Amino acid sequence: MGFLKGIRLSAFLDTYQEWHALVEGFCEVLCPWPARHKLSRKLSNDLRGDHHYYAFGRALGVIAWIIIARIIQVVFFK
């Protein structure tokens, strides 16, 4: 585990800003409709401060769509 040396896993998603950024990125990808509300200054600051969590949330949203597409394929087309 040389590449993980010095990384504190206890610091992963340990603040509400990090969770906020992750969930916002995930939902932005998973829900294809345009947003009904403009970003608040607080949310904008959360996303800017924890952009890597936002990007990770978007990646999880893409993975969720791939899983959903596979389930649909198996259930309806096999």
N, C-alpha and C. Protein backbone atom coordinates (compact mmCIF):
# COMPACT_ATOMS: atom_id res chain seq x y z
N MET A 1 0.82 -1.18 0.00
CA MET A 1 0.00 0.00 0.00
C MET A 1 0.87 1.25 0.00
N GLY A 2 1.88 1.24 -0.78
CA GLY A 2 2.79 2.38 -0.81
C GLY A 2 2.16 3.66 -1.31
N PHE A 3 1.30 3.55 -2.32
CA PHE A 3 0.71 4.77 -2.86
C PHE A 3 -0.36 5.36 -1.93
N LEU A 4 -0.88 4.59 -0.99
CA LEU A 4 -1.85 5.09 -0.03
C LEU A 4 -1.22 5.58 1.26
N LYS A 5 0.10 5.44 1.35
CA LYS A 5 0.78 5.84 2.58
C LYS A 5 0.61 7.35 2.78
N GLY A 6 0.21 7.73 3.95
CA GLY A 6 0.03 9.14 4.27
C GLY A 6 -1.37 9.67 3.97
N ILE A 7 -2.22 8.87 3.33
CA ILE A 7 -3.58 9.29 3.06
C ILE A 7 -4.45 8.89 4.25
N ARG A 8 -5.17 9.85 4.79
CA ARG A 8 -6.05 9.57 5.92
C ARG A 8 -7.45 9.29 5.39
N LEU A 9 -7.86 8.04 5.39
CA LEU A 9 -9.21 7.69 4.93
C LEU A 9 -10.28 8.23 5.85
N SER A 10 -9.92 8.53 7.09
CA SER A 10 -10.89 9.10 8.02
C SER A 10 -11.29 10.53 7.60
N ALA A 11 -10.49 11.15 6.74
CA ALA A 11 -10.79 12.50 6.27
C ALA A 11 -11.65 12.49 5.00
N PHE A 12 -11.97 11.30 4.48
CA PHE A 12 -12.78 11.19 3.26
C PHE A 12 -14.25 11.42 3.60
N LEU A 13 -14.85 12.42 2.98
CA LEU A 13 -16.26 12.76 3.18
C LEU A 13 -16.58 12.98 4.66
N ASP A 14 -15.75 13.75 5.33
CA ASP A 14 -15.99 14.00 6.75
C ASP A 14 -16.60 15.36 7.04
N THR A 15 -16.93 16.13 6.00
CA THR A 15 -17.61 17.41 6.20
C THR A 15 -18.84 17.47 5.31
N TYR A 16 -19.78 18.32 5.70
CA TYR A 16 -20.99 18.42 4.89
C TYR A 16 -20.69 19.03 3.52
N GLN A 17 -19.67 19.88 3.41
CA GLN A 17 -19.31 20.46 2.12
C GLN A 17 -18.88 19.39 1.13
N GLU A 18 -18.13 18.41 1.61
CA GLU A 18 -17.68 17.32 0.74
C GLU A 18 -18.86 16.46 0.31
N TRP A 19 -19.75 16.15 1.24
CA TRP A 19 -20.95 15.39 0.88
C TRP A 19 -21.82 16.17 -0.09
N HIS A 20 -21.96 17.46 0.16
CA HIS A 20 -22.77 18.31 -0.69
C HIS A 20 -22.23 18.31 -2.12
N ALA A 21 -20.95 18.45 -2.27
CA ALA A 21 -20.33 18.46 -3.59
C ALA A 21 -20.51 17.10 -4.28
N LEU A 22 -20.31 16.01 -3.55
CA LEU A 22 -20.45 14.67 -4.12
C LEU A 22 -21.89 14.42 -4.59
N VAL A 23 -22.86 14.71 -3.75
CA VAL A 23 -24.26 14.45 -4.10
C VAL A 23 -24.71 15.37 -5.24
N GLU A 24 -24.27 16.61 -5.23
CA GLU A 24 -24.64 17.54 -6.30
C GLU A 24 -24.10 17.04 -7.65
N GLY A 25 -22.86 16.59 -7.68
CA GLY A 25 -22.29 16.05 -8.92
C GLY A 25 -23.01 14.80 -9.39
N PHE A 26 -23.33 13.90 -8.45
CA PHE A 26 -24.03 12.66 -8.77
C PHE A 26 -25.42 12.97 -9.35
N CYS A 27 -26.16 13.81 -8.67
CA CYS A 27 -27.53 14.12 -9.10
C CYS A 27 -27.56 14.90 -10.40
N GLU A 28 -26.55 15.72 -10.63
CA GLU A 28 -26.49 16.50 -11.86
C GLU A 28 -26.39 15.58 -13.08
N VAL A 29 -25.68 14.48 -12.95
CA VAL A 29 -25.53 13.53 -14.05
C VAL A 29 -26.73 12.60 -14.12
N LEU A 30 -27.19 12.11 -12.98
CA LEU A 30 -28.27 11.13 -12.97
C LEU A 30 -29.60 11.72 -13.43
N CYS A 31 -29.85 12.95 -13.10
CA CYS A 31 -31.12 13.61 -13.48
C CYS A 31 -30.87 14.46 -14.73
N PRO A 32 -31.48 14.09 -15.85
CA PRO A 32 -31.19 14.80 -17.10
C PRO A 32 -31.92 16.13 -17.27
N TRP A 33 -32.84 16.45 -16.39
CA TRP A 33 -33.60 17.70 -16.52
C TRP A 33 -32.79 18.89 -16.07
N PRO A 34 -33.07 20.06 -16.64
CA PRO A 34 -32.36 21.25 -16.18
C PRO A 34 -32.74 21.59 -14.74
N ALA A 35 -31.84 22.23 -14.06
CA ALA A 35 -32.07 22.59 -12.66
C ALA A 35 -33.23 23.57 -12.55
N ARG A 36 -34.03 23.41 -11.51
CA ARG A 36 -35.16 24.31 -11.29
C ARG A 36 -34.76 25.53 -10.50
N HIS A 37 -33.62 25.47 -9.85
CA HIS A 37 -33.17 26.57 -9.01
C HIS A 37 -31.75 26.95 -9.39
N LYS A 38 -31.43 28.20 -9.21
CA LYS A 38 -30.05 28.64 -9.42
C LYS A 38 -29.23 28.23 -8.21
N LEU A 39 -27.93 28.04 -8.44
CA LEU A 39 -27.05 27.67 -7.34
C LEU A 39 -26.98 28.80 -6.32
N SER A 40 -27.11 28.46 -5.07
CA SER A 40 -26.94 29.45 -4.03
C SER A 40 -25.44 29.74 -3.86
N ARG A 41 -25.14 30.81 -3.24
CA ARG A 41 -23.74 31.17 -3.01
C ARG A 41 -23.06 30.10 -2.14
N LYS A 42 -23.80 29.58 -1.16
CA LYS A 42 -23.26 28.55 -0.28
C LYS A 42 -22.92 27.28 -1.07
N LEU A 43 -23.83 26.83 -1.92
CA LEU A 43 -23.58 25.64 -2.73
C LEU A 43 -22.43 25.90 -3.69
N SER A 44 -22.43 27.05 -4.30
CA SER A 44 -21.35 27.38 -5.23
C SER A 44 -19.99 27.33 -4.53
N ASN A 45 -19.93 27.83 -3.32
CA ASN A 45 -18.68 27.78 -2.55
C ASN A 45 -18.31 26.35 -2.19
N ASP A 46 -19.32 25.53 -1.83
CA ASP A 46 -19.04 24.12 -1.53
C ASP A 46 -18.46 23.41 -2.74
N LEU A 47 -19.04 23.65 -3.91
CA LEU A 47 -18.56 22.99 -5.13
C LEU A 47 -17.17 23.47 -5.51
N ARG A 48 -16.93 24.74 -5.35
CA ARG A 48 -15.62 25.29 -5.71
C ARG A 48 -14.55 24.77 -4.76
N GLY A 49 -14.87 24.68 -3.48
CA GLY A 49 -13.89 24.25 -2.49
C GLY A 49 -13.60 22.77 -2.52
N ASP A 50 -14.55 21.98 -2.98
CA ASP A 50 -14.38 20.53 -3.00
C ASP A 50 -14.70 19.98 -4.38
N HIS A 51 -14.07 20.56 -5.38
CA HIS A 51 -14.37 20.19 -6.76
C HIS A 51 -14.06 18.73 -7.05
N HIS A 52 -13.05 18.17 -6.41
CA HIS A 52 -12.72 16.76 -6.64
C HIS A 52 -13.85 15.85 -6.18
N TYR A 53 -14.56 16.21 -5.12
CA TYR A 53 -15.72 15.42 -4.71
C TYR A 53 -16.87 15.57 -5.70
N TYR A 54 -17.03 16.77 -6.23
CA TYR A 54 -18.05 17.03 -7.25
C TYR A 54 -17.76 16.19 -8.49
N ALA A 55 -16.50 16.16 -8.94
CA ALA A 55 -16.11 15.37 -10.11
C ALA A 55 -16.31 13.88 -9.83
N PHE A 56 -15.98 13.43 -8.62
CA PHE A 56 -16.18 12.03 -8.25
C PHE A 56 -17.68 11.69 -8.25
N GLY A 57 -18.50 12.60 -7.77
CA GLY A 57 -19.95 12.40 -7.80
C GLY A 57 -20.46 12.28 -9.22
N ARG A 58 -19.94 13.09 -10.14
CA ARG A 58 -20.33 12.99 -11.55
C ARG A 58 -19.91 11.64 -12.12
N ALA A 59 -18.73 11.17 -11.78
CA ALA A 59 -18.28 9.86 -12.25
C ALA A 59 -19.18 8.76 -11.71
N LEU A 60 -19.60 8.85 -10.46
CA LEU A 60 -20.52 7.87 -9.90
C LEU A 60 -21.87 7.92 -10.61
N GLY A 61 -22.30 9.10 -11.03
CA GLY A 61 -23.54 9.23 -11.78
C GLY A 61 -23.46 8.52 -13.12
N VAL A 62 -22.32 8.63 -13.79
CA VAL A 62 -22.12 7.92 -15.06
C VAL A 62 -22.14 6.41 -14.84
N ILE A 63 -21.46 5.96 -13.80
CA ILE A 63 -21.46 4.54 -13.47
C ILE A 63 -22.87 4.06 -13.17
N ALA A 64 -23.65 4.86 -12.46
CA ALA A 64 -25.04 4.49 -12.16
C ALA A 64 -25.84 4.35 -13.45
N TRP A 65 -25.65 5.26 -14.42
CA TRP A 65 -26.36 5.14 -15.71
C TRP A 65 -25.96 3.88 -16.45
N ILE A 66 -24.69 3.52 -16.39
CA ILE A 66 -24.24 2.28 -17.06
C ILE A 66 -24.92 1.07 -16.42
N ILE A 67 -25.00 1.06 -15.09
CA ILE A 67 -25.66 -0.04 -14.39
C ILE A 67 -27.15 -0.08 -14.73
N ILE A 68 -27.80 1.08 -14.75
CA ILE A 68 -29.22 1.14 -15.10
C ILE A 68 -29.44 0.64 -16.52
N ALA A 69 -28.59 1.05 -17.46
CA ALA A 69 -28.71 0.61 -18.85
C ALA A 69 -28.54 -0.90 -18.95
N ARG A 70 -27.62 -1.46 -18.20
CA ARG A 70 -27.39 -2.91 -18.22
C ARG A 70 -28.60 -3.66 -17.67
N ILE A 71 -29.17 -3.15 -16.58
CA ILE A 71 -30.35 -3.78 -16.01
C ILE A 71 -31.50 -3.75 -17.01
N ILE A 72 -31.72 -2.63 -17.66
CA ILE A 72 -32.77 -2.52 -18.67
C ILE A 72 -32.52 -3.52 -19.80
N GLN A 73 -31.27 -3.62 -20.23
CA GLN A 73 -30.92 -4.56 -21.31
C GLN A 73 -31.24 -5.99 -20.90
N VAL A 74 -30.85 -6.37 -19.71
CA VAL A 74 -31.08 -7.74 -19.24
C VAL A 74 -32.56 -8.03 -19.06
N VAL A 75 -33.28 -7.11 -18.47
CA VAL A 75 -34.69 -7.34 -18.15
C VAL A 75 -35.56 -7.34 -19.42
N PHE A 76 -35.33 -6.42 -20.34
CA PHE A 76 -36.24 -6.23 -21.46
C PHE A 76 -35.75 -6.81 -22.80
N PHE A 77 -34.47 -7.05 -22.94
CA PHE A 77 -33.96 -7.44 -24.25
C PHE A 77 -33.22 -8.78 -24.27
N LYS A 78 -33.39 -9.59 -23.27
CA LYS A 78 -32.73 -10.90 -23.26
C LYS A 78 -33.75 -11.99 -23.18
